[in-house]
């Protein structure tokens, strides 16, 4: 008669795996902050710079062109537009990084 012996994983392996997982999550969230990539909603007044079949094109205050759907305005008029953008655009951290990068560029 043969007996089957069940091998259990040693507790130290579980603790090591849990510790490495925790360290990885902690390291990744400090190196690459996740909150900066969450979209935020921005509402602003902007001047229409063009009209397309999809709506009016306005230039946002951050320099990006934004399309406002269902727009009846004409070129040159100011309208209220709401759009989503990554939070990193408004981040003070990224502004400091860009300032430091400009110091080392020739």
PDB file of N, CA and C in Angstrom:
ATOM      1  N   UNK A   1       0.832  -1.163   0.000  1.00  0.00           N
ATOM      2  CA  UNK A   1       0.000   0.000   0.000  1.00  0.00           C
ATOM      3  C   UNK A   1       0.891   1.246   0.000  1.00  0.00           C
ATOM      4  N   UNK A   2       0.598   2.142  -0.881  1.00  0.00           N
ATOM      5  CA  UNK A   2       1.393   3.357  -0.988  1.00  0.00           C
ATOM      6  C   UNK A   2       0.671   4.499  -0.292  1.00  0.00           C
ATOM      7  N   UNK A   3       1.456   5.346   0.330  1.00  0.00           N
ATOM      8  CA  UNK A   3       0.925   6.531   0.996  1.00  0.00           C
ATOM      9  C   UNK A   3       1.345   7.769   0.217  1.00  0.00           C
ATOM     10  N   UNK A   4       0.408   8.642   0.072  1.00  0.00           N
ATOM     11  CA  UNK A   4       0.747   9.905  -0.562  1.00  0.00           C
ATOM     12  C   UNK A   4       1.035  10.925   0.518  1.00  0.00           C
ATOM     13  N   UNK A   5       2.155  11.555   0.376  1.00  0.00           N
ATOM     14  CA  UNK A   5       2.546  12.581   1.336  1.00  0.00           C
ATOM     15  C   UNK A   5       2.310  13.938   0.689  1.00  0.00           C
ATOM     16  N   UNK A   6       1.509  14.742   1.376  1.00  0.00           N
ATOM     17  CA  UNK A   6       1.222  16.081   0.879  1.00  0.00           C
ATOM     18  C   UNK A   6       2.302  17.022   1.373  1.00  0.00           C
ATOM     19  N   UNK A   7       2.897  17.747   0.445  1.00  0.00           N
ATOM     20  CA  UNK A   7       3.913  18.690   0.840  1.00  0.00           C
ATOM     21  C   UNK A   7       3.280  20.078   0.961  1.00  0.00           C
ATOM     22  N   UNK A   8       3.482  20.683   2.112  1.00  0.00           N
ATOM     23  CA  UNK A   8       2.982  22.037   2.333  1.00  0.00           C
ATOM     24  C   UNK A   8       4.113  23.023   2.084  1.00  0.00           C
ATOM     25  N   UNK A   9       3.725  24.169   1.611  1.00  0.00           N
ATOM     26  CA  UNK A   9       4.723  25.221   1.378  1.00  0.00           C
ATOM     27  C   UNK A   9       5.094  25.814   2.732  1.00  0.00           C
ATOM     28  N   UNK A  10       6.360  25.980   2.928  1.00  0.00           N
ATOM     29  CA  UNK A  10       6.853  26.498   4.204  1.00  0.00           C
ATOM     30  C   UNK A  10       6.352  27.928   4.422  1.00  0.00           C
ATOM     31  N   UNK A  11       6.059  28.290   5.676  1.00  0.00           N
ATOM     32  CA  UNK A  11       5.553  29.639   5.960  1.00  0.00           C
ATOM     33  C   UNK A  11       6.516  30.745   5.541  1.00  0.00           C
ATOM     34  N   UNK A  12       7.799  30.506   5.570  1.00  0.00           N
ATOM     35  CA  UNK A  12       8.745  31.547   5.203  1.00  0.00           C
ATOM     36  C   UNK A  12       8.614  31.920   3.728  1.00  0.00           C
ATOM     37  N   UNK A  13       8.193  30.977   2.877  1.00  0.00           N
ATOM     38  CA  UNK A  13       7.989  31.284   1.458  1.00  0.00           C
ATOM     39  C   UNK A  13       6.812  32.247   1.297  1.00  0.00           C
ATOM     40  N   UNK A  14       5.732  32.002   2.051  1.00  0.00           N
ATOM     41  CA  UNK A  14       4.561  32.891   1.995  1.00  0.00           C
ATOM     42  C   UNK A  14       4.933  34.299   2.461  1.00  0.00           C
ATOM     43  N   UNK A  15       5.669  34.391   3.558  1.00  0.00           N
ATOM     44  CA  UNK A  15       6.064  35.704   4.086  1.00  0.00           C
ATOM     45  C   UNK A  15       7.008  36.430   3.133  1.00  0.00           C
ATOM     46  N   UNK A  16       7.907  35.692   2.501  1.00  0.00           N
ATOM     47  CA  UNK A  16       8.818  36.296   1.536  1.00  0.00           C
ATOM     48  C   UNK A  16       8.049  36.825   0.319  1.00  0.00           C
ATOM     49  N   UNK A  17       7.122  36.034  -0.187  1.00  0.00           N
ATOM     50  CA  UNK A  17       6.324  36.463  -1.341  1.00  0.00           C
ATOM     51  C   UNK A  17       5.466  37.673  -0.989  1.00  0.00           C
ATOM     52  N   UNK A  18       4.875  37.659   0.199  1.00  0.00           N
ATOM     53  CA  UNK A  18       4.064  38.794   0.634  1.00  0.00           C
ATOM     54  C   UNK A  18       4.923  40.044   0.811  1.00  0.00           C
ATOM     55  N   UNK A  19       6.099  39.894   1.382  1.00  0.00           N
ATOM     56  CA  UNK A  19       7.004  41.029   1.564  1.00  0.00           C
ATOM     57  C   UNK A  19       7.470  41.607   0.237  1.00  0.00           C
ATOM     58  N   UNK A  20       7.831  40.737  -0.711  1.00  0.00           N
ATOM     59  CA  UNK A  20       8.259  41.213  -2.029  1.00  0.00           C
ATOM     60  C   UNK A  20       7.120  41.905  -2.774  1.00  0.00           C
ATOM     61  N   UNK A  21       5.918  41.393  -2.654  1.00  0.00           N
ATOM     62  CA  UNK A  21       4.766  42.029  -3.292  1.00  0.00           C
ATOM     63  C   UNK A  21       4.527  43.404  -2.691  1.00  0.00           C
ATOM     64  N   UNK A  22       4.556  43.496  -1.377  1.00  0.00           N
ATOM     65  CA  UNK A  22       4.367  44.786  -0.707  1.00  0.00           C
ATOM     66  C   UNK A  22       5.450  45.786  -1.082  1.00  0.00           C
ATOM     67  N   UNK A  23       6.684  45.343  -1.121  1.00  0.00           N
ATOM     68  CA  UNK A  23       7.786  46.224  -1.503  1.00  0.00           C
ATOM     69  C   UNK A  23       7.643  46.703  -2.943  1.00  0.00           C
ATOM     70  N   UNK A  24       7.241  45.810  -3.841  1.00  0.00           N
ATOM     71  CA  UNK A  24       7.063  46.178  -5.248  1.00  0.00           C
ATOM     72  C   UNK A  24       5.975  47.229  -5.407  1.00  0.00           C
ATOM     73  N   UNK A  25       4.847  47.040  -4.747  1.00  0.00           N
ATOM     74  CA  UNK A  25       3.761  48.017  -4.822  1.00  0.00           C
ATOM     75  C   UNK A  25       4.209  49.353  -4.255  1.00  0.00           C
ATOM     76  N   UNK A  26       4.892  49.337  -3.125  1.00  0.00           N
ATOM     77  CA  UNK A  26       5.378  50.571  -2.511  1.00  0.00           C
ATOM     78  C   UNK A  26       6.390  51.281  -3.409  1.00  0.00           C
ATOM     79  N   UNK A  27       7.316  50.533  -3.986  1.00  0.00           N
ATOM     80  CA  UNK A  27       8.336  51.136  -4.851  1.00  0.00           C
ATOM     81  C   UNK A  27       7.718  51.724  -6.118  1.00  0.00           C
ATOM     82  N   UNK A  28       6.796  51.004  -6.718  1.00  0.00           N
ATOM     83  CA  UNK A  28       6.190  51.505  -7.952  1.00  0.00           C
ATOM     84  C   UNK A  28       5.323  52.734  -7.720  1.00  0.00           C
ATOM     85  N   UNK A  29       4.627  52.798  -6.611  1.00  0.00           N
ATOM     86  CA  UNK A  29       3.779  53.966  -6.361  1.00  0.00           C
ATOM     87  C   UNK A  29       4.589  55.181  -5.938  1.00  0.00           C
ATOM     88  N   UNK A  30       5.811  54.982  -5.455  1.00  0.00           N
ATOM     89  CA  UNK A  30       6.636  56.151  -5.147  1.00  0.00           C
ATOM     90  C   UNK A  30       7.418  56.610  -6.361  1.00  0.00           C
ATOM     91  N   UNK A  31       7.831  55.690  -7.193  1.00  0.00           N
ATOM     92  CA  UNK A  31       8.587  56.061  -8.379  1.00  0.00           C
ATOM     93  C   UNK A  31       7.650  56.642  -9.441  1.00  0.00           C
ATOM     94  N   UNK A  32       6.525  56.015  -9.664  1.00  0.00           N
ATOM     95  CA  UNK A  32       5.560  56.454 -10.668  1.00  0.00           C
ATOM     96  C   UNK A  32       4.238  56.732  -9.957  1.00  0.00           C
ATOM     97  N   UNK A  33       4.022  57.962  -9.503  1.00  0.00           N
ATOM     98  CA  UNK A  33       2.775  58.263  -8.793  1.00  0.00           C
ATOM     99  C   UNK A  33       1.558  58.054  -9.691  1.00  0.00           C
ATOM    100  N   UNK A  34       0.680  57.183  -9.253  1.00  0.00           N
ATOM    101  CA  UNK A  34      -0.495  56.826 -10.044  1.00  0.00           C
ATOM    102  C   UNK A  34      -1.500  57.972 -10.090  1.00  0.00           C
ATOM    103  N   UNK A  35      -1.579  58.756  -9.045  1.00  0.00           N
ATOM    104  CA  UNK A  35      -2.588  59.821  -8.964  1.00  0.00           C
ATOM    105  C   UNK A  35      -2.406  60.867 -10.061  1.00  0.00           C
ATOM    106  N   UNK A  36      -1.196  60.997 -10.603  1.00  0.00           N
ATOM    107  CA  UNK A  36      -0.960  61.993 -11.643  1.00  0.00           C
ATOM    108  C   UNK A  36      -1.608  61.620 -12.966  1.00  0.00           C
ATOM    109  N   UNK A  37      -1.973  60.350 -13.145  1.00  0.00           N
ATOM    110  CA  UNK A  37      -2.539  59.915 -14.414  1.00  0.00           C
ATOM    111  C   UNK A  37      -4.053  59.842 -14.384  1.00  0.00           C
ATOM    112  N   UNK A  38      -4.645  60.118 -13.228  1.00  0.00           N
ATOM    113  CA  UNK A  38      -6.095  60.114 -13.113  1.00  0.00           C
ATOM    114  C   UNK A  38      -6.645  61.335 -13.853  1.00  0.00           C
ATOM    115  N   UNK A  39      -7.652  61.150 -14.691  1.00  0.00           N
ATOM    116  CA  UNK A  39      -8.178  62.312 -15.418  1.00  0.00           C
ATOM    117  C   UNK A  39      -8.966  63.249 -14.509  1.00  0.00           C
ATOM    118  N   UNK A  40      -8.824  64.532 -14.761  1.00  0.00           N
ATOM    119  CA  UNK A  40      -9.597  65.539 -14.039  1.00  0.00           C
ATOM    120  C   UNK A  40     -10.406  66.326 -15.060  1.00  0.00           C
ATOM    121  N   UNK A  41     -11.519  66.867 -14.619  1.00  0.00           N
ATOM    122  CA  UNK A  41     -12.382  67.643 -15.499  1.00  0.00           C
ATOM    123  C   UNK A  41     -12.039  69.123 -15.364  1.00  0.00           C
ATOM    124  N   UNK A  42     -11.874  69.792 -16.504  1.00  0.00           N
ATOM    125  CA  UNK A  42     -11.518  71.209 -16.532  1.00  0.00           C
ATOM    126  C   UNK A  42     -12.605  71.952 -17.312  1.00  0.00           C
ATOM    127  N   UNK A  43     -13.117  73.027 -16.740  1.00  0.00           N
ATOM    128  CA  UNK A  43     -14.071  73.887 -17.430  1.00  0.00           C
ATOM    129  C   UNK A  43     -13.461  75.273 -17.523  1.00  0.00           C
ATOM    130  N   UNK A  44     -13.439  75.818 -18.733  1.00  0.00           N
ATOM    131  CA  UNK A  44     -12.839  77.132 -18.928  1.00  0.00           C
ATOM    132  C   UNK A  44     -13.476  77.843 -20.115  1.00  0.00           C
ATOM    133  N   UNK A  45     -13.257  79.130 -20.184  1.00  0.00           N
ATOM    134  CA  UNK A  45     -13.688  79.919 -21.336  1.00  0.00           C
ATOM    135  C   UNK A  45     -12.550  79.939 -22.343  1.00  0.00           C
ATOM    136  N   UNK A  46     -12.886  79.664 -23.587  1.00  0.00           N
ATOM    137  CA  UNK A  46     -11.855  79.617 -24.620  1.00  0.00           C
ATOM    138  C   UNK A  46     -12.410  80.189 -25.912  1.00  0.00           C
ATOM    139  N   UNK A  47     -11.514  80.650 -26.758  1.00  0.00           N
ATOM    140  CA  UNK A  47     -11.886  81.243 -28.042  1.00  0.00           C
ATOM    141  C   UNK A  47     -11.886  80.169 -29.123  1.00  0.00           C
ATOM    142  N   UNK A  48     -12.911  80.149 -29.932  1.00  0.00           N
ATOM    143  CA  UNK A  48     -13.023  79.184 -31.028  1.00  0.00           C
ATOM    144  C   UNK A  48     -11.993  79.539 -32.096  1.00  0.00           C
ATOM    145  N   UNK A  49     -11.181  78.534 -32.492  1.00  0.00           N
ATOM    146  CA  UNK A  49     -10.157  78.770 -33.513  1.00  0.00           C
ATOM    147  C   UNK A  49     -10.495  78.063 -34.826  1.00  0.00           C
ATOM    148  N   UNK A  50     -11.523  77.197 -34.790  1.00  0.00           N
ATOM    149  CA  UNK A  50     -11.902  76.494 -36.015  1.00  0.00           C
ATOM    150  C   UNK A  50     -13.196  75.738 -35.835  1.00  0.00           C
ATOM    151  N   UNK A  51     -13.820  75.401 -36.962  1.00  0.00           N
ATOM    152  CA  UNK A  51     -15.055  74.631 -36.960  1.00  0.00           C
ATOM    153  C   UNK A  51     -14.822  73.364 -37.781  1.00  0.00           C
ATOM    154  N   UNK A  52     -15.208  72.206 -37.243  1.00  0.00           N
ATOM    155  CA  UNK A  52     -15.117  70.941 -37.973  1.00  0.00           C
ATOM    156  C   UNK A  52     -16.491  70.281 -37.974  1.00  0.00           C
ATOM    157  N   UNK A  53     -16.587  69.133 -38.636  1.00  0.00           N
ATOM    158  CA  UNK A  53     -17.857  68.409 -38.640  1.00  0.00           C
ATOM    159  C   UNK A  53     -18.177  67.798 -37.273  1.00  0.00           C
ATOM    160  N   UNK A  54     -17.183  67.720 -36.397  1.00  0.00           N
ATOM    161  CA  UNK A  54     -17.382  67.167 -35.057  1.00  0.00           C
ATOM    162  C   UNK A  54     -17.691  68.247 -34.024  1.00  0.00           C
ATOM    163  N   UNK A  55     -17.543  69.499 -34.352  1.00  0.00           N
ATOM    164  CA  UNK A  55     -17.817  70.596 -33.426  1.00  0.00           C
ATOM    165  C   UNK A  55     -16.797  71.713 -33.564  1.00  0.00           C
ATOM    166  N   UNK A  56     -16.745  72.559 -32.542  1.00  0.00           N
ATOM    167  CA  UNK A  56     -15.818  73.695 -32.545  1.00  0.00           C
ATOM    168  C   UNK A  56     -14.476  73.281 -31.952  1.00  0.00           C
ATOM    169  N   UNK A  57     -13.420  73.782 -32.510  1.00  0.00           N
ATOM    170  CA  UNK A  57     -12.083  73.543 -31.980  1.00  0.00           C
ATOM    171  C   UNK A  57     -11.644  74.794 -31.242  1.00  0.00           C
ATOM    172  N   UNK A  58     -11.272  74.625 -29.959  1.00  0.00           N
ATOM    173  CA  UNK A  58     -10.776  75.740 -29.151  1.00  0.00           C
ATOM    174  C   UNK A  58      -9.404  75.377 -28.631  1.00  0.00           C
ATOM    175  N   UNK A  59      -8.616  76.391 -28.309  1.00  0.00           N
ATOM    176  CA  UNK A  59      -7.305  76.128 -27.715  1.00  0.00           C
ATOM    177  C   UNK A  59      -7.428  76.310 -26.222  1.00  0.00           C
ATOM    178  N   UNK A  60      -7.172  75.216 -25.485  1.00  0.00           N
ATOM    179  CA  UNK A  60      -7.262  75.263 -24.031  1.00  0.00           C
ATOM    180  C   UNK A  60      -6.144  76.092 -23.431  1.00  0.00           C
ATOM    181  N   UNK A  61      -6.281  76.426 -22.168  1.00  0.00           N
ATOM    182  CA  UNK A  61      -5.272  77.260 -21.511  1.00  0.00           C
ATOM    183  C   UNK A  61      -3.940  76.539 -21.335  1.00  0.00           C
ATOM    184  N   UNK A  62      -3.920  75.205 -21.548  1.00  0.00           N
ATOM    185  CA  UNK A  62      -2.681  74.452 -21.419  1.00  0.00           C
ATOM    186  C   UNK A  62      -2.017  74.218 -22.773  1.00  0.00           C
ATOM    187  N   UNK A  63      -2.572  74.850 -23.822  1.00  0.00           N
ATOM    188  CA  UNK A  63      -1.946  74.772 -25.135  1.00  0.00           C
ATOM    189  C   UNK A  63      -2.428  73.626 -26.001  1.00  0.00           C
ATOM    190  N   UNK A  64      -3.364  72.834 -25.535  1.00  0.00           N
ATOM    191  CA  UNK A  64      -3.875  71.712 -26.307  1.00  0.00           C
ATOM    192  C   UNK A  64      -5.170  72.100 -27.014  1.00  0.00           C
ATOM    193  N   UNK A  65      -5.327  71.716 -28.284  1.00  0.00           N
ATOM    194  CA  UNK A  65      -6.605  71.975 -28.944  1.00  0.00           C
ATOM    195  C   UNK A  65      -7.663  71.011 -28.411  1.00  0.00           C
ATOM    196  N   UNK A  66      -8.850  71.528 -28.170  1.00  0.00           N
ATOM    197  CA  UNK A  66      -9.948  70.750 -27.621  1.00  0.00           C
ATOM    198  C   UNK A  66     -11.144  70.916 -28.550  1.00  0.00           C
ATOM    199  N   UNK A  67     -11.844  69.819 -28.825  1.00  0.00           N
ATOM    200  CA  UNK A  67     -13.042  69.880 -29.658  1.00  0.00           C
ATOM    201  C   UNK A  67     -14.267  69.880 -28.763  1.00  0.00           C
ATOM    202  N   UNK A  68     -15.109  70.870 -28.947  1.00  0.00           N
ATOM    203  CA  UNK A  68     -16.364  70.967 -28.200  1.00  0.00           C
ATOM    204  C   UNK A  68     -17.487  70.512 -29.125  1.00  0.00           C
ATOM    205  N   UNK A  69     -18.147  69.419 -28.789  1.00  0.00           N
ATOM    206  CA  UNK A  69     -19.226  68.878 -29.620  1.00  0.00           C
ATOM    207  C   UNK A  69     -20.475  69.750 -29.504  1.00  0.00           C
ATOM    208  N   UNK A  70     -21.316  69.673 -30.507  1.00  0.00           N
ATOM    209  CA  UNK A  70     -22.586  70.412 -30.553  1.00  0.00           C
ATOM    210  C   UNK A  70     -22.381  71.902 -30.287  1.00  0.00           C
ATOM    211  N   UNK A  71     -21.528  72.492 -31.067  1.00  0.00           N
ATOM    212  CA  UNK A  71     -21.193  73.901 -30.885  1.00  0.00           C
ATOM    213  C   UNK A  71     -21.735  74.705 -32.065  1.00  0.00           C
ATOM    214  N   UNK A  72     -22.421  75.786 -31.750  1.00  0.00           N
ATOM    215  CA  UNK A  72     -22.982  76.637 -32.803  1.00  0.00           C
ATOM    216  C   UNK A  72     -22.249  77.974 -32.897  1.00  0.00           C
ATOM    217  N   UNK A  73     -21.121  78.094 -32.246  1.00  0.00           N
ATOM    218  CA  UNK A  73     -20.371  79.355 -32.234  1.00  0.00           C
ATOM    219  C   UNK A  73     -19.600  79.524 -33.540  1.00  0.00           C
ATOM    220  N   UNK A  74     -19.147  80.741 -33.775  1.00  0.00           N
ATOM    221  CA  UNK A  74     -18.354  81.058 -34.955  1.00  0.00           C
ATOM    222  C   UNK A  74     -16.900  81.298 -34.531  1.00  0.00           C
ATOM    223  N   UNK A  75     -16.006  81.269 -35.485  1.00  0.00           N
ATOM    224  CA  UNK A  75     -14.585  81.499 -35.210  1.00  0.00           C
ATOM    225  C   UNK A  75     -14.406  82.875 -34.575  1.00  0.00           C
ATOM    226  N   UNK A  76     -13.661  82.908 -33.480  1.00  0.00           N
ATOM    227  CA  UNK A  76     -13.387  84.153 -32.773  1.00  0.00           C
ATOM    228  C   UNK A  76     -14.277  84.372 -31.558  1.00  0.00           C
ATOM    229  N   UNK A  77     -15.382  83.637 -31.455  1.00  0.00           N
ATOM    230  CA  UNK A  77     -16.266  83.776 -30.296  1.00  0.00           C
ATOM    231  C   UNK A  77     -15.694  83.016 -29.100  1.00  0.00           C
ATOM    232  N   UNK A  78     -16.029  83.483 -27.915  1.00  0.00           N
ATOM    233  CA  UNK A  78     -15.585  82.826 -26.687  1.00  0.00           C
ATOM    234  C   UNK A  78     -16.718  81.956 -26.159  1.00  0.00           C
ATOM    235  N   UNK A  79     -16.399  80.682 -25.882  1.00  0.00           N
ATOM    236  CA  UNK A  79     -17.401  79.749 -25.367  1.00  0.00           C
ATOM    237  C   UNK A  79     -16.885  79.078 -24.093  1.00  0.00           C
ATOM    238  N   UNK A  80     -17.779  78.472 -23.363  1.00  0.00           N
ATOM    239  CA  UNK A  80     -17.444  77.698 -22.164  1.00  0.00           C
ATOM    240  C   UNK A  80     -17.259  76.253 -22.601  1.00  0.00           C
ATOM    241  N   UNK A  81     -16.133  75.647 -22.306  1.00  0.00           N
ATOM    242  CA  UNK A  81     -15.848  74.278 -22.731  1.00  0.00           C
ATOM    243  C   UNK A  81     -15.370  73.460 -21.531  1.00  0.00           C
ATOM    244  N   UNK A  82     -15.804  72.205 -21.473  1.00  0.00           N
ATOM    245  CA  UNK A  82     -15.395  71.277 -20.411  1.00  0.00           C
ATOM    246  C   UNK A  82     -14.720  70.079 -21.069  1.00  0.00           C
ATOM    247  N   UNK A  83     -13.569  69.687 -20.558  1.00  0.00           N
ATOM    248  CA  UNK A  83     -12.841  68.542 -21.103  1.00  0.00           C
ATOM    249  C   UNK A  83     -12.054  67.865 -19.989  1.00  0.00           C
ATOM    250  N   UNK A  84     -11.607  66.638 -20.265  1.00  0.00           N
ATOM    251  CA  UNK A  84     -10.796  65.875 -19.316  1.00  0.00           C
ATOM    252  C   UNK A  84      -9.343  65.903 -19.750  1.00  0.00           C
ATOM    253  N   UNK A  85      -8.450  65.923 -18.757  1.00  0.00           N
ATOM    254  CA  UNK A  85      -7.019  65.865 -19.032  1.00  0.00           C
ATOM    255  C   UNK A  85      -6.337  65.173 -17.853  1.00  0.00           C
ATOM    256  N   UNK A  86      -5.139  64.617 -18.063  1.00  0.00           N
ATOM    257  CA  UNK A  86      -4.428  63.978 -16.964  1.00  0.00           C
ATOM    258  C   UNK A  86      -4.043  64.994 -15.887  1.00  0.00           C
ATOM    259  N   UNK A  87      -4.106  64.590 -14.638  1.00  0.00           N
ATOM    260  CA  UNK A  87      -3.776  65.485 -13.532  1.00  0.00           C
ATOM    261  C   UNK A  87      -2.310  65.894 -13.553  1.00  0.00           C
ATOM    262  N   UNK A  88      -1.470  65.146 -14.240  1.00  0.00           N
ATOM    263  CA  UNK A  88      -0.037  65.436 -14.267  1.00  0.00           C
ATOM    264  C   UNK A  88       0.250  66.778 -14.940  1.00  0.00           C
ATOM    265  N   UNK A  89      -0.654  67.243 -15.809  1.00  0.00           N
ATOM    266  CA  UNK A  89      -0.448  68.514 -16.494  1.00  0.00           C
ATOM    267  C   UNK A  89      -0.435  69.662 -15.494  1.00  0.00           C
ATOM    268  N   UNK A  90      -1.245  69.567 -14.447  1.00  0.00           N
ATOM    269  CA  UNK A  90      -1.309  70.617 -13.447  1.00  0.00           C
ATOM    270  C   UNK A  90      -0.386  70.374 -12.254  1.00  0.00           C
ATOM    271  N   UNK A  91       0.377  69.307 -12.292  1.00  0.00           N
ATOM    272  CA  UNK A  91       1.201  68.906 -11.164  1.00  0.00           C
ATOM    273  C   UNK A  91       2.373  69.870 -10.916  1.00  0.00           C
ATOM    274  N   UNK A  92       2.537  70.301  -9.686  1.00  0.00           N
ATOM    275  CA  UNK A  92       3.690  71.124  -9.314  1.00  0.00           C
ATOM    276  C   UNK A  92       4.985  70.318  -9.417  1.00  0.00           C
ATOM    277  N   UNK A  93       4.880  69.017  -9.188  1.00  0.00           N
ATOM    278  CA  UNK A  93       6.046  68.147  -9.286  1.00  0.00           C
ATOM    279  C   UNK A  93       6.627  68.182 -10.699  1.00  0.00           C
ATOM    280  N   UNK A  94       5.759  68.077 -11.711  1.00  0.00           N
ATOM    281  CA  UNK A  94       6.240  68.087 -13.091  1.00  0.00           C
ATOM    282  C   UNK A  94       6.816  69.450 -13.470  1.00  0.00           C
ATOM    283  N   UNK A  95       6.282  70.519 -12.916  1.00  0.00           N
ATOM    284  CA  UNK A  95       6.838  71.855 -13.186  1.00  0.00           C
ATOM    285  C   UNK A  95       8.261  71.959 -12.639  1.00  0.00           C
ATOM    286  N   UNK A  96       8.478  71.408 -11.440  1.00  0.00           N
ATOM    287  CA  UNK A  96       9.824  71.425 -10.862  1.00  0.00           C
ATOM    288  C   UNK A  96      10.785  70.567 -11.681  1.00  0.00           C
ATOM    289  N   UNK A  97      10.302  69.415 -12.166  1.00  0.00           N
ATOM    290  CA  UNK A  97      11.148  68.552 -12.986  1.00  0.00           C
ATOM    291  C   UNK A  97      11.552  69.260 -14.276  1.00  0.00           C
ATOM    292  N   UNK A  98      10.611  69.965 -14.899  1.00  0.00           N
ATOM    293  CA  UNK A  98      10.916  70.675 -16.132  1.00  0.00           C
ATOM    294  C   UNK A  98      11.877  71.829 -15.891  1.00  0.00           C
ATOM    295  N   UNK A  99      11.755  72.504 -14.750  1.00  0.00           N
ATOM    296  CA  UNK A  99      12.695  73.564 -14.419  1.00  0.00           C
ATOM    297  C   UNK A  99      14.108  73.025 -14.254  1.00  0.00           C
ATOM    298  N   UNK A 100      14.236  71.892 -13.579  1.00  0.00           N
ATOM    299  CA  UNK A 100      15.551  71.285 -13.387  1.00  0.00           C
ATOM    300  C   UNK A 100      16.117  70.780 -14.707  1.00  0.00           C
ATOM    301  N   UNK A 101      15.250  70.244 -15.565  1.00  0.00           N
ATOM    302  CA  UNK A 101      15.717  69.746 -16.858  1.00  0.00           C
ATOM    303  C   UNK A 101      16.217  70.877 -17.733  1.00  0.00           C
ATOM    304  N   UNK A 102      15.600  72.039 -17.625  1.00  0.00           N
ATOM    305  CA  UNK A 102      16.039  73.186 -18.447  1.00  0.00           C
ATOM    306  C   UNK A 102      17.428  73.680 -18.005  1.00  0.00           C
ATOM    307  N   UNK A 103      17.809  73.411 -16.766  1.00  0.00           N
ATOM    308  CA  UNK A 103      19.140  73.813 -16.293  1.00  0.00           C
ATOM    309  C   UNK A 103      20.249  72.981 -16.909  1.00  0.00           C
ATOM    310  N   UNK A 104      19.960  71.720 -17.227  1.00  0.00           N
ATOM    311  CA  UNK A 104      21.005  70.838 -17.741  1.00  0.00           C
ATOM    312  C   UNK A 104      21.023  70.750 -19.253  1.00  0.00           C
ATOM    313  N   UNK A 105      20.025  71.296 -19.913  1.00  0.00           N
ATOM    314  CA  UNK A 105      20.027  71.274 -21.376  1.00  0.00           C
ATOM    315  C   UNK A 105      20.994  72.340 -21.899  1.00  0.00           C
ATOM    316  N   UNK A 106      21.792  71.995 -22.893  1.00  0.00           N
ATOM    317  CA  UNK A 106      22.771  72.953 -23.421  1.00  0.00           C
ATOM    318  C   UNK A 106      22.132  74.071 -24.211  1.00  0.00           C
TER     319      UNK A 106
END
